[in-house]
Amino acid sequence: MVVRGTIMLVDKFIDLASKAIGDTNVITYPKELEKYSRDHSLVKPGIPSCIVRPGSVEEVQEIIEYANKLLVPITPLSGGTNNLGGTIPVPNGVILDLKRMNRVLDIDVRAGMASIQPGVTFEQLQEYASKHGLRALTPVELPKTSSALSTYLDLAPLYGWVYYGEEILTTMTVLLPDGTLLKTGQQAFPQIKWPYVHSHASPFAGLMNYIWYQSQGTLGVVAQGWVKLKPIHEVVEAFFVTVNDDNDLYKIAREIMWMRYPRDMVIFNNVDAALFFEDETPNYGKKTAELIPSLPKWVVAFTLRGRKEGVDIMVSDIAEKLQGIGYKLLDEVPGMPKAKEIFLSEVNYPSGWPKYSKYRGARTILPFICSLKDVPIIHQALKKFIEKHGFSTNYVGVTITPTDRVGVVACNVAFNREIQEVDKIRNLYYEVAEEMLRLGAFYSRPYGILAKLMYSRAQNYYEVLMKIKRTLDPNNIMNPRRLTLTEDL
């Protein structure tokens, strides 16, 4: 059952929170509350009673204590750029906005690691890391203003997944739903120093991190984490392959992934390629619409990094491999002379969905993981449903992010729509989601209606998950709207 605080209890909570963290950090302005009540997902809006902005671990603990005492549900939020419904609160609940906790606490250049708070953005982390000859791995769909910590926790697709893998976060500090502070991995053993201080490979805590991965704020608040950084290489080059056949896309992507050369890699259909490579100007929507029909069906984009002689060898090897299957390695995308410049810039400082949504007004994402070999089948099925519902294929973007597990990719299907078209695409979204699941897709980030689709098919798993939830959060105050099969989404 979802806890809903009464008006009297919420008023008491606001009074206590104001005394604990200051009046200016407890927001009750209706216009500000409205901003936090919705996003571009299909999850129904929920207007919070207030927004609290703590500035320290101790202040977060106080907020959690009051929420438990008064049974007021709280929804943690770090960057405010989640576009999947994960931070839409329970009506009359509280938004726990962590953006004030925005410090890079420490950096270990030798280990290539940084300790960050949840309010640290990718832009901030990138600037900080670059001063030490390092760089952060950035997300494909989210903007540079996103929280680095929450993005890594959510395992949102990164450009660097193809080489570096998915787990960028190693150890963390967690505030449990009762306010207890827990450190995972080697952080739990402060007497142990280099080289194990950042390792999650502890006999006691090695697997504990996974409890909070993709938990959507339902099992506590991650207040700090050590994250991996990567070196800035001497040479960084971007390359492209254009493809007009779904089956050829599978062969090309597989061959490039198998070579283990790219450090960043992404695949766009023509819609998302246009949104990605078009300059963000006042005429962005119109120019994008004009560009889409002229582009190839797919654009494969990747970087090669290293010393010059090493990059030259990689270029030669990939070009030879592509030539063997009838394709060319390109320095630019035909018709887009600035593609290389834009791609390298976006990999460092992504624009993400806020830019893409300017195409039509809103962008609703269906994220899933699937086998690379299933992409042609999934893409054909997607087109059939789009046509069935009378939604233009020029409005549906597809972005594919390869992983280091060759043959496994993350897909984002994006319904670029007008703001008022929520009801128009709701049935389309649900039918596509069901069909993708039938064809082998897996929703590792089950937001909104995807939660019901996944959990209803794995009842034992869901029951165990709820046992963990009840054990850690007996008052059900932490983002209670997420782990439910009955909540009206």
Protein backbone atom coordinates (compact mmCIF):
# COMPACT_ATOMS: atom_id res chain seq x y z
CA MET A 1 0.00 0.00 0.00
CA VAL A 2 1.28 3.46 -0.87
CA VAL A 3 1.62 5.71 2.15
CA ARG A 4 0.01 9.13 1.78
CA GLY A 5 0.57 11.69 4.50
CA THR A 6 -2.48 13.65 5.66
CA ILE A 7 -2.49 17.43 5.21
CA MET A 8 -1.97 17.88 8.95
CA LEU A 9 1.04 15.57 9.02
CA VAL A 10 2.51 17.14 5.89
CA ASP A 11 2.20 20.60 7.44
CA LYS A 12 4.00 19.30 10.52
CA PHE A 13 6.71 17.83 8.28
CA ILE A 14 7.19 21.17 6.49
CA ASP A 15 7.52 22.93 9.84
CA LEU A 16 10.13 20.46 11.12
CA ALA A 17 12.07 20.48 7.83
CA SER A 18 12.14 24.28 7.75
CA LYS A 19 13.68 24.37 11.21
CA ALA A 20 16.23 21.69 10.29
CA ILE A 21 17.50 22.97 6.93
CA GLY A 22 16.17 26.53 6.75
CA ASP A 23 13.04 28.10 5.26
CA THR A 24 14.77 28.90 1.97
CA ASN A 25 15.47 25.21 1.39
CA VAL A 26 11.85 24.11 1.79
CA ILE A 27 9.90 25.10 -1.32
CA THR A 28 6.10 25.30 -1.37
CA TYR A 29 5.47 27.69 -4.29
CA PRO A 30 2.74 26.17 -6.51
CA LYS A 31 4.56 26.97 -9.77
CA GLU A 32 7.73 25.29 -8.53
CA LEU A 33 5.80 22.25 -7.28
CA GLU A 34 4.14 21.92 -10.69
CA LYS A 35 7.56 21.66 -12.39
CA TYR A 36 8.40 18.60 -10.30
CA SER A 37 5.04 16.91 -10.87
CA ARG A 38 5.56 15.59 -14.42
CA ASP A 39 8.03 14.73 -17.17
CA HIS A 40 7.76 13.42 -20.75
CA SER A 41 6.89 9.89 -19.64
CA LEU A 42 3.36 8.46 -19.51
CA VAL A 43 3.37 8.31 -15.70
CA LYS A 44 0.50 10.38 -14.37
CA PRO A 45 1.52 13.65 -12.67
CA GLY A 46 1.76 13.93 -8.91
CA ILE A 47 2.06 17.34 -7.31
CA PRO A 48 4.22 17.23 -4.16
CA SER A 49 3.39 19.10 -0.99
CA CYS A 50 6.89 20.56 -0.87
CA ILE A 51 10.46 20.28 -2.11
CA VAL A 52 13.22 19.94 0.48
CA ARG A 53 16.83 20.67 -0.42
CA PRO A 54 19.24 19.36 2.22
CA GLY A 55 22.91 20.27 1.96
CA SER A 56 24.56 17.47 3.93
CA VAL A 57 24.27 13.83 4.94
CA GLU A 58 23.16 14.90 8.41
CA GLU A 59 20.34 17.02 6.99
CA VAL A 60 19.17 14.13 4.80
CA GLN A 61 19.09 11.93 7.90
CA GLU A 62 16.90 14.47 9.68
CA ILE A 63 14.50 14.62 6.73
CA ILE A 64 14.25 10.82 6.64
CA GLU A 65 13.63 10.76 10.41
CA TYR A 66 10.71 13.20 10.09
CA ALA A 67 9.28 11.32 7.11
CA ASN A 68 9.25 8.08 9.10
CA LYS A 69 7.77 9.72 12.16
CA LEU A 70 4.93 11.35 10.20
CA LEU A 71 4.57 8.67 7.48
CA VAL A 72 5.19 11.16 4.70
CA PRO A 73 6.45 9.57 1.43
CA ILE A 74 9.60 11.07 -0.07
CA THR A 75 10.93 10.83 -3.62
CA PRO A 76 14.71 11.37 -3.98
CA LEU A 77 15.88 13.46 -6.93
CA SER A 78 19.47 14.34 -7.86
CA GLY A 79 19.74 16.04 -11.24
CA GLY A 80 16.13 16.60 -12.16
CA THR A 81 16.64 15.17 -15.65
CA ASN A 82 15.02 11.74 -15.25
CA ASN A 83 12.59 11.53 -18.14
CA LEU A 84 11.12 8.10 -17.44
CA GLY A 85 8.74 8.86 -14.57
CA GLY A 86 11.12 7.73 -11.83
CA THR A 87 11.02 11.00 -9.89
CA ILE A 88 7.33 11.85 -10.20
CA PRO A 89 6.20 11.88 -6.56
CA VAL A 90 3.22 10.48 -4.76
CA PRO A 91 0.57 13.23 -4.71
CA ASN A 92 0.98 15.22 -1.49
CA GLY A 93 4.37 13.61 -0.90
CA VAL A 94 7.78 15.27 -0.67
CA ILE A 95 10.55 15.73 -3.23
CA LEU A 96 13.98 15.21 -1.66
CA ASP A 97 16.09 17.36 -3.98
CA LEU A 98 19.79 16.56 -3.55
CA LYS A 99 21.20 19.14 -5.97
CA ARG A 100 22.79 21.18 -3.14
CA MET A 101 25.00 18.18 -2.34
CA ASN A 102 27.19 18.91 -5.35
CA ARG A 103 30.80 18.49 -4.27
CA VAL A 104 33.57 16.40 -5.77
CA LEU A 105 34.89 15.19 -2.43
CA ASP A 106 38.14 13.58 -3.54
CA ILE A 107 40.04 12.34 -6.57
CA ASP A 108 42.60 9.55 -6.83
CA VAL A 109 44.50 10.21 -10.05
CA ARG A 110 46.59 7.05 -9.77
CA ALA A 111 43.49 4.86 -9.47
CA GLY A 112 41.45 6.96 -11.91
CA MET A 113 38.64 7.46 -9.40
CA ALA A 114 36.61 10.33 -7.96
CA SER A 115 34.41 10.52 -4.88
CA ILE A 116 31.26 12.51 -5.65
CA GLN A 117 27.98 13.58 -4.11
CA PRO A 118 24.61 13.05 -5.86
CA GLY A 119 24.29 16.67 -7.01
CA VAL A 120 27.51 16.57 -9.07
CA THR A 121 26.63 16.89 -12.76
CA PHE A 122 28.49 15.37 -15.69
CA GLU A 123 29.54 18.84 -16.78
CA GLN A 124 31.01 19.52 -13.34
CA LEU A 125 32.70 16.12 -13.10
CA GLN A 126 34.12 16.41 -16.62
CA GLU A 127 35.64 19.83 -15.89
CA TYR A 128 37.14 18.60 -12.63
CA ALA A 129 38.51 15.37 -14.10
CA SER A 130 40.05 17.09 -17.14
CA LYS A 131 42.31 19.13 -14.87
CA HIS A 132 43.89 15.83 -13.82
CA GLY A 133 44.20 14.30 -17.30
CA LEU A 134 41.06 12.22 -16.84
CA ARG A 135 37.54 12.15 -18.25
CA ALA A 136 34.11 10.95 -17.17
CA LEU A 137 32.03 8.46 -19.14
CA THR A 138 28.84 10.23 -20.21
CA PRO A 139 25.24 9.13 -20.94
CA VAL A 140 23.71 8.73 -24.38
CA GLU A 141 20.20 10.08 -23.74
CA LEU A 142 20.69 12.33 -20.71
CA PRO A 143 22.16 15.86 -20.74
CA LYS A 144 25.39 17.11 -19.18
CA THR A 145 23.32 18.63 -16.35
CA SER A 146 22.31 15.15 -15.15
CA SER A 147 23.56 13.73 -11.86
CA ALA A 148 26.57 11.52 -12.56
CA LEU A 149 25.98 9.41 -9.45
CA SER A 150 22.30 8.68 -10.10
CA THR A 151 22.98 7.99 -13.79
CA TYR A 152 25.62 5.40 -12.92
CA LEU A 153 23.30 3.90 -10.28
CA ASP A 154 20.52 3.57 -12.84
CA LEU A 155 22.88 1.91 -15.33
CA ALA A 156 21.66 4.33 -18.00
CA PRO A 157 23.44 3.68 -21.33
CA LEU A 158 26.85 5.36 -21.70
CA TYR A 159 28.85 6.04 -24.85
CA GLY A 160 31.76 4.14 -23.29
CA TRP A 161 29.83 0.95 -22.48
CA VAL A 162 31.23 -0.79 -25.58
CA TYR A 163 34.73 -0.83 -24.09
CA TYR A 164 34.53 -0.09 -20.38
CA GLY A 165 31.36 -1.94 -19.39
CA GLU A 166 28.41 -0.90 -17.28
CA GLU A 167 29.70 -0.73 -13.71
CA ILE A 168 31.31 2.67 -13.21
CA LEU A 169 30.32 3.05 -9.56
CA THR A 170 32.42 0.98 -7.14
CA THR A 171 31.67 1.84 -3.50
CA MET A 172 29.06 4.07 -1.94
CA THR A 173 27.60 5.65 1.17
CA VAL A 174 23.91 4.91 1.58
CA LEU A 175 21.31 6.35 3.93
CA LEU A 176 18.83 3.55 4.54
CA PRO A 177 15.10 4.30 4.79
CA ASP A 178 15.39 4.47 8.59
CA GLY A 179 18.28 6.96 8.37
CA THR A 180 21.05 4.46 9.16
CA LEU A 181 24.31 5.26 7.36
CA LEU A 182 25.89 2.33 5.51
CA LYS A 183 29.17 2.23 3.59
CA THR A 184 29.72 -0.53 1.03
CA GLY A 185 32.84 -2.27 -0.24
CA GLN A 186 36.19 -1.21 1.15
CA GLN A 187 34.71 2.05 2.44
CA ALA A 188 33.31 -0.11 5.23
CA PHE A 189 36.91 -0.81 6.30
CA PRO A 190 38.61 2.61 6.69
CA GLN A 191 41.80 1.03 8.03
CA ILE A 192 42.45 -0.58 4.63
CA LYS A 193 44.34 1.74 2.30
CA TRP A 194 45.67 1.60 -1.26
CA PRO A 195 45.26 -0.36 -3.49
CA TYR A 196 41.91 -1.59 -2.18
CA VAL A 197 40.35 1.58 -0.84
CA HIS A 198 37.99 2.02 -3.83
CA SER A 199 37.29 -1.65 -4.47
CA HIS A 200 33.83 -3.19 -4.23
CA ALA A 201 35.43 -6.65 -4.14
CA SER A 202 34.95 -7.17 -0.41
CA PRO A 203 33.99 -10.57 0.99
CA PHE A 204 31.29 -8.84 3.02
CA ALA A 205 30.09 -6.04 0.76
CA GLY A 206 31.08 -6.95 -2.78
CA LEU A 207 27.55 -7.76 -3.91
CA MET A 208 25.80 -5.27 -1.65
CA ASN A 209 26.00 -2.47 -4.23
CA TYR A 210 23.60 -4.35 -6.46
CA ILE A 211 20.77 -3.78 -3.98
CA TRP A 212 20.80 -0.09 -4.91
CA TYR A 213 21.53 -0.35 -8.61
CA GLN A 214 18.37 0.61 -10.53
CA SER A 215 16.36 0.74 -7.29
CA GLN A 216 14.88 4.14 -8.26
CA GLY A 217 15.20 5.58 -4.77
CA THR A 218 12.98 2.92 -3.19
CA LEU A 219 15.59 1.49 -0.81
CA GLY A 220 17.39 4.57 0.48
CA VAL A 221 19.46 7.55 -0.59
CA VAL A 222 22.95 7.14 -2.05
CA ALA A 223 24.78 10.14 -0.63
CA GLN A 224 28.29 9.49 -2.01
CA GLY A 225 30.08 7.18 -4.38
CA TRP A 226 33.50 6.46 -5.85
CA VAL A 227 33.23 6.43 -9.65
CA LYS A 228 35.68 5.36 -12.33
CA LEU A 229 37.33 7.93 -14.61
CA LYS A 230 39.26 7.23 -17.81
CA PRO A 231 42.47 8.72 -19.21
CA ILE A 232 42.46 11.49 -21.80
CA HIS A 233 44.32 10.00 -24.75
CA GLU A 234 46.84 11.65 -27.04
CA VAL A 235 44.66 11.13 -30.13
CA VAL A 236 40.86 10.99 -30.30
CA GLU A 237 39.19 10.43 -33.67
CA ALA A 238 35.57 9.89 -34.66
CA PHE A 239 34.43 7.62 -37.49
CA PHE A 240 31.14 6.61 -39.07
CA VAL A 241 29.52 3.86 -41.10
CA THR A 242 26.22 4.50 -42.89
CA VAL A 243 23.86 1.55 -43.41
CA ASN A 244 20.54 1.12 -45.21
CA ASP A 245 19.83 -2.53 -44.45
CA ASP A 246 18.81 -3.87 -41.01
CA ASN A 247 20.59 -7.18 -41.53
CA ASP A 248 23.79 -5.46 -42.64
CA LEU A 249 23.62 -3.32 -39.49
CA TYR A 250 23.87 -6.47 -37.40
CA LYS A 251 26.92 -7.71 -39.31
CA ILE A 252 28.72 -4.36 -39.23
CA ALA A 253 28.07 -3.63 -35.56
CA ARG A 254 29.08 -7.16 -34.56
CA GLU A 255 32.37 -6.98 -36.46
CA ILE A 256 33.29 -3.58 -34.99
CA MET A 257 32.33 -4.66 -31.46
CA TRP A 258 34.33 -7.89 -31.77
CA MET A 259 37.49 -5.94 -32.60
CA ARG A 260 37.34 -4.18 -29.21
CA TYR A 261 38.79 -1.00 -30.70
CA PRO A 262 36.09 1.67 -30.15
CA ARG A 263 36.17 3.48 -26.82
CA ASP A 264 32.75 5.09 -27.40
CA MET A 265 30.08 3.76 -29.74
CA VAL A 266 26.44 4.45 -30.58
CA ILE A 267 24.05 3.65 -33.44
CA PHE A 268 21.26 6.02 -34.55
CA ASN A 269 18.36 5.51 -36.91
CA ASN A 270 17.80 8.41 -39.30
CA VAL A 271 15.45 10.24 -36.92
CA ASP A 272 17.79 10.23 -33.92
CA ALA A 273 20.78 10.90 -36.19
CA ALA A 274 19.08 14.09 -37.38
CA LEU A 275 18.21 15.11 -33.81
CA PHE A 276 21.76 14.40 -32.65
CA PHE A 277 23.76 16.04 -35.44
CA GLU A 278 21.55 19.06 -36.20
CA ASP A 279 22.69 22.29 -34.53
CA GLU A 280 20.41 23.54 -31.78
CA THR A 281 19.05 26.75 -33.30
CA PRO A 282 15.64 28.51 -33.19
CA ASN A 283 14.74 26.54 -36.36
CA TYR A 284 15.90 23.21 -34.91
CA GLY A 285 12.54 21.43 -35.27
CA LYS A 286 11.99 22.50 -38.88
CA LYS A 287 15.57 21.80 -39.97
CA THR A 288 15.51 18.38 -38.31
CA ALA A 289 12.28 17.43 -40.09
CA GLU A 290 13.86 18.40 -43.42
CA LEU A 291 17.05 16.46 -42.68
CA ILE A 292 15.49 13.12 -41.68
CA PRO A 293 14.45 11.90 -45.19
CA SER A 294 17.90 12.62 -46.62
CA LEU A 295 19.82 10.51 -44.11
CA PRO A 296 20.72 6.81 -44.36
CA LYS A 297 18.59 4.37 -42.40
CA TRP A 298 21.31 3.89 -39.76
CA VAL A 299 24.45 5.75 -38.71
CA VAL A 300 27.10 3.89 -36.70
CA ALA A 301 29.36 6.34 -34.83
CA PHE A 302 32.40 5.54 -32.69
CA THR A 303 35.68 6.93 -31.38
CA LEU A 304 39.18 5.52 -31.49
CA ARG A 305 41.55 6.70 -28.76
CA GLY A 306 45.24 6.16 -28.03
CA ARG A 307 48.66 7.04 -29.42
CA LYS A 308 48.78 8.08 -33.06
CA GLU A 309 50.47 4.91 -34.28
CA GLY A 310 47.95 2.78 -32.40
CA VAL A 311 44.97 4.69 -33.78
CA ASP A 312 46.38 4.40 -37.30
CA ILE A 313 46.57 0.61 -36.95
CA MET A 314 42.99 0.46 -35.64
CA VAL A 315 41.74 2.59 -38.53
CA SER A 316 43.45 0.33 -41.05
CA ASP A 317 42.09 -2.85 -39.43
CA ILE A 318 38.50 -1.60 -39.26
CA ALA A 319 38.59 -0.22 -42.81
CA GLU A 320 39.84 -3.57 -44.09
CA LYS A 321 37.18 -5.48 -42.17
CA LEU A 322 34.40 -3.22 -43.48
CA GLN A 323 35.68 -3.45 -47.04
CA GLY A 324 35.38 -7.22 -46.79
CA ILE A 325 31.62 -6.91 -46.24
CA GLY A 326 31.09 -4.14 -48.79
CA TYR A 327 31.19 -1.01 -46.60
CA LYS A 328 33.47 1.98 -46.08
CA LEU A 329 34.84 3.66 -42.98
CA LEU A 330 33.89 7.36 -43.15
CA ASP A 331 35.35 10.51 -41.62
CA GLU A 332 32.03 12.33 -41.96
CA VAL A 333 28.36 11.55 -42.46
CA PRO A 334 27.28 12.51 -46.00
CA GLY A 335 25.32 15.76 -45.92
CA MET A 336 26.53 16.62 -42.40
CA PRO A 337 29.99 18.21 -42.65
CA LYS A 338 30.15 18.93 -38.91
CA ALA A 339 29.32 15.36 -37.80
CA LYS A 340 32.80 14.59 -36.46
CA GLU A 341 33.02 17.83 -34.49
CA ILE A 342 29.53 17.40 -33.05
CA PHE A 343 30.04 13.76 -32.10
CA LEU A 344 33.28 14.42 -30.22
CA SER A 345 31.67 17.36 -28.43
CA GLU A 346 28.55 15.38 -27.47
CA VAL A 347 30.56 12.46 -26.10
CA ASN A 348 32.17 14.87 -23.62
CA TYR A 349 29.23 17.19 -22.92
CA PRO A 350 25.97 15.56 -24.06
CA SER A 351 22.87 17.60 -24.91
CA GLY A 352 20.50 14.66 -24.51
CA TRP A 353 16.71 14.67 -24.49
CA PRO A 354 16.23 18.39 -23.63
CA LYS A 355 17.65 19.21 -27.07
CA TYR A 356 15.85 16.38 -28.89
CA SER A 357 12.48 17.28 -27.35
CA LYS A 358 12.60 20.60 -29.21
CA TYR A 359 11.84 18.66 -32.39
CA ARG A 360 8.14 18.30 -31.53
CA GLY A 361 7.80 19.34 -27.86
CA ALA A 362 8.20 16.09 -25.89
CA ARG A 363 10.14 12.82 -26.06
CA THR A 364 8.80 9.63 -24.45
CA ILE A 365 11.39 6.85 -24.10
CA LEU A 366 10.98 3.07 -24.16
CA PRO A 367 14.34 1.70 -22.89
CA PHE A 368 15.32 -1.97 -23.06
CA ILE A 369 18.20 -4.39 -23.51
CA CYS A 370 18.24 -6.99 -26.27
CA SER A 371 20.47 -9.16 -28.40
CA LEU A 372 22.12 -7.40 -31.33
CA LYS A 373 20.92 -10.14 -33.66
CA ASP A 374 17.30 -9.38 -32.68
CA VAL A 375 17.51 -5.70 -33.70
CA PRO A 376 16.30 -6.28 -37.31
CA ILE A 377 13.25 -8.24 -36.09
CA ILE A 378 12.47 -5.71 -33.37
CA HIS A 379 12.83 -2.80 -35.79
CA GLN A 380 10.44 -4.34 -38.31
CA ALA A 381 7.87 -5.05 -35.58
CA LEU A 382 8.19 -1.47 -34.33
CA LYS A 383 7.38 -0.10 -37.80
CA LYS A 384 4.21 -2.22 -38.02
CA PHE A 385 2.84 -0.87 -34.75
CA ILE A 386 3.71 2.71 -35.69
CA GLU A 387 1.80 2.36 -38.95
CA LYS A 388 -1.11 0.64 -37.19
CA HIS A 389 -1.57 3.62 -34.86
CA GLY A 390 -1.07 6.24 -37.54
CA PHE A 391 2.06 7.65 -35.94
CA SER A 392 4.70 8.83 -38.42
CA THR A 393 7.96 6.89 -38.62
CA ASN A 394 9.64 10.30 -38.92
CA TYR A 395 8.68 10.87 -35.27
CA VAL A 396 10.19 7.66 -33.85
CA GLY A 397 13.87 7.66 -32.99
CA VAL A 398 16.00 4.62 -32.19
CA THR A 399 19.36 4.82 -30.44
CA ILE A 400 21.37 1.65 -29.85
CA THR A 401 24.25 1.53 -27.38
CA PRO A 402 26.60 -1.48 -27.70
CA THR A 403 27.96 -2.99 -24.49
CA ASP A 404 31.22 -4.76 -23.69
CA ARG A 405 29.26 -8.02 -23.80
CA VAL A 406 29.52 -8.44 -27.56
CA GLY A 407 26.09 -9.20 -28.95
CA VAL A 408 24.18 -7.33 -26.21
CA VAL A 409 22.93 -3.79 -26.78
CA ALA A 410 20.81 -1.21 -25.00
CA CYS A 411 18.01 0.31 -27.09
CA ASN A 412 16.09 3.52 -26.59
CA VAL A 413 12.96 3.81 -28.72
CA ALA A 414 11.85 7.44 -28.59
CA PHE A 415 8.36 8.68 -29.45
CA ASN A 416 8.90 12.33 -30.34
CA ARG A 417 5.48 13.88 -29.82
CA GLU A 418 3.61 17.07 -29.17
CA ILE A 419 2.97 17.87 -25.50
CA GLN A 420 -0.76 17.16 -25.77
CA GLU A 421 -0.34 13.78 -27.52
CA VAL A 422 -0.07 11.75 -24.31
CA ASP A 423 -3.30 9.82 -24.86
CA LYS A 424 -2.55 9.33 -28.55
CA ILE A 425 0.63 7.38 -27.91
CA ARG A 426 -0.34 5.64 -24.66
CA ASN A 427 -1.82 2.58 -26.39
CA LEU A 428 0.96 2.58 -28.99
CA TYR A 429 3.60 2.65 -26.25
CA TYR A 430 1.98 -0.19 -24.31
CA GLU A 431 1.49 -2.42 -27.36
CA VAL A 432 5.05 -1.83 -28.53
CA ALA A 433 6.36 -2.54 -25.02
CA GLU A 434 4.49 -5.86 -24.88
CA GLU A 435 5.66 -6.86 -28.36
CA MET A 436 9.29 -5.98 -27.64
CA LEU A 437 9.12 -8.16 -24.53
CA ARG A 438 7.71 -11.03 -26.58
CA LEU A 439 10.54 -10.65 -29.10
CA GLY A 440 13.26 -10.90 -26.45
CA ALA A 441 13.66 -7.39 -25.05
CA PHE A 442 14.38 -7.05 -21.33
CA TYR A 443 13.35 -4.00 -19.31
CA SER A 444 16.22 -3.66 -16.86
CA ARG A 445 14.96 -0.17 -15.91
CA PRO A 446 11.24 -0.87 -15.40
CA TYR A 447 9.71 2.58 -15.06
CA GLY A 448 5.99 3.33 -15.29
CA ILE A 449 3.94 0.67 -17.05
CA LEU A 450 7.11 -1.32 -17.69
CA ALA A 451 7.19 -2.25 -14.00
CA LYS A 452 3.85 -4.02 -14.27
CA LEU A 453 4.89 -5.74 -17.51
CA MET A 454 8.05 -7.11 -15.92
CA TYR A 455 7.01 -7.90 -12.36
CA SER A 456 3.71 -9.55 -13.32
CA ARG A 457 5.73 -12.07 -15.35
CA ALA A 458 8.09 -12.88 -12.48
CA GLN A 459 5.90 -13.19 -9.41
CA ASN A 460 8.48 -14.96 -7.23
CA TYR A 461 11.09 -12.33 -8.05
CA TYR A 462 8.63 -9.56 -7.25
CA GLU A 463 7.65 -11.14 -3.93
CA VAL A 464 11.30 -11.38 -2.85
CA LEU A 465 11.88 -7.80 -3.97
CA MET A 466 8.96 -6.64 -1.85
CA LYS A 467 10.30 -8.57 1.15
CA ILE A 468 13.56 -6.63 0.83
CA LYS A 469 11.57 -3.41 0.51
CA ARG A 470 9.50 -4.15 3.63
CA THR A 471 12.62 -5.10 5.59
CA LEU A 472 14.56 -1.94 4.74
CA ASP A 473 11.57 0.40 4.53
CA PRO A 474 8.82 -0.88 6.85
CA ASN A 475 6.96 2.45 6.70
CA ASN A 476 7.09 2.47 2.89
CA ILE A 477 8.23 6.09 2.71
CA MET A 478 10.93 5.81 0.01
CA ASN A 479 9.51 6.51 -3.47
CA PRO A 480 6.56 4.14 -2.81
CA ARG A 481 5.04 4.74 -6.23
CA ARG A 482 7.72 2.73 -8.01
CA LEU A 483 7.53 -0.84 -6.66
CA THR A 484 3.85 -1.53 -7.16
CA LEU A 485 1.62 -3.43 -9.55
CA THR A 486 -1.56 -1.64 -8.50
CA GLU A 487 -0.62 2.05 -8.50
CA ASP A 488 -2.51 3.99 -11.18
CA LEU A 489 0.32 5.14 -13.42
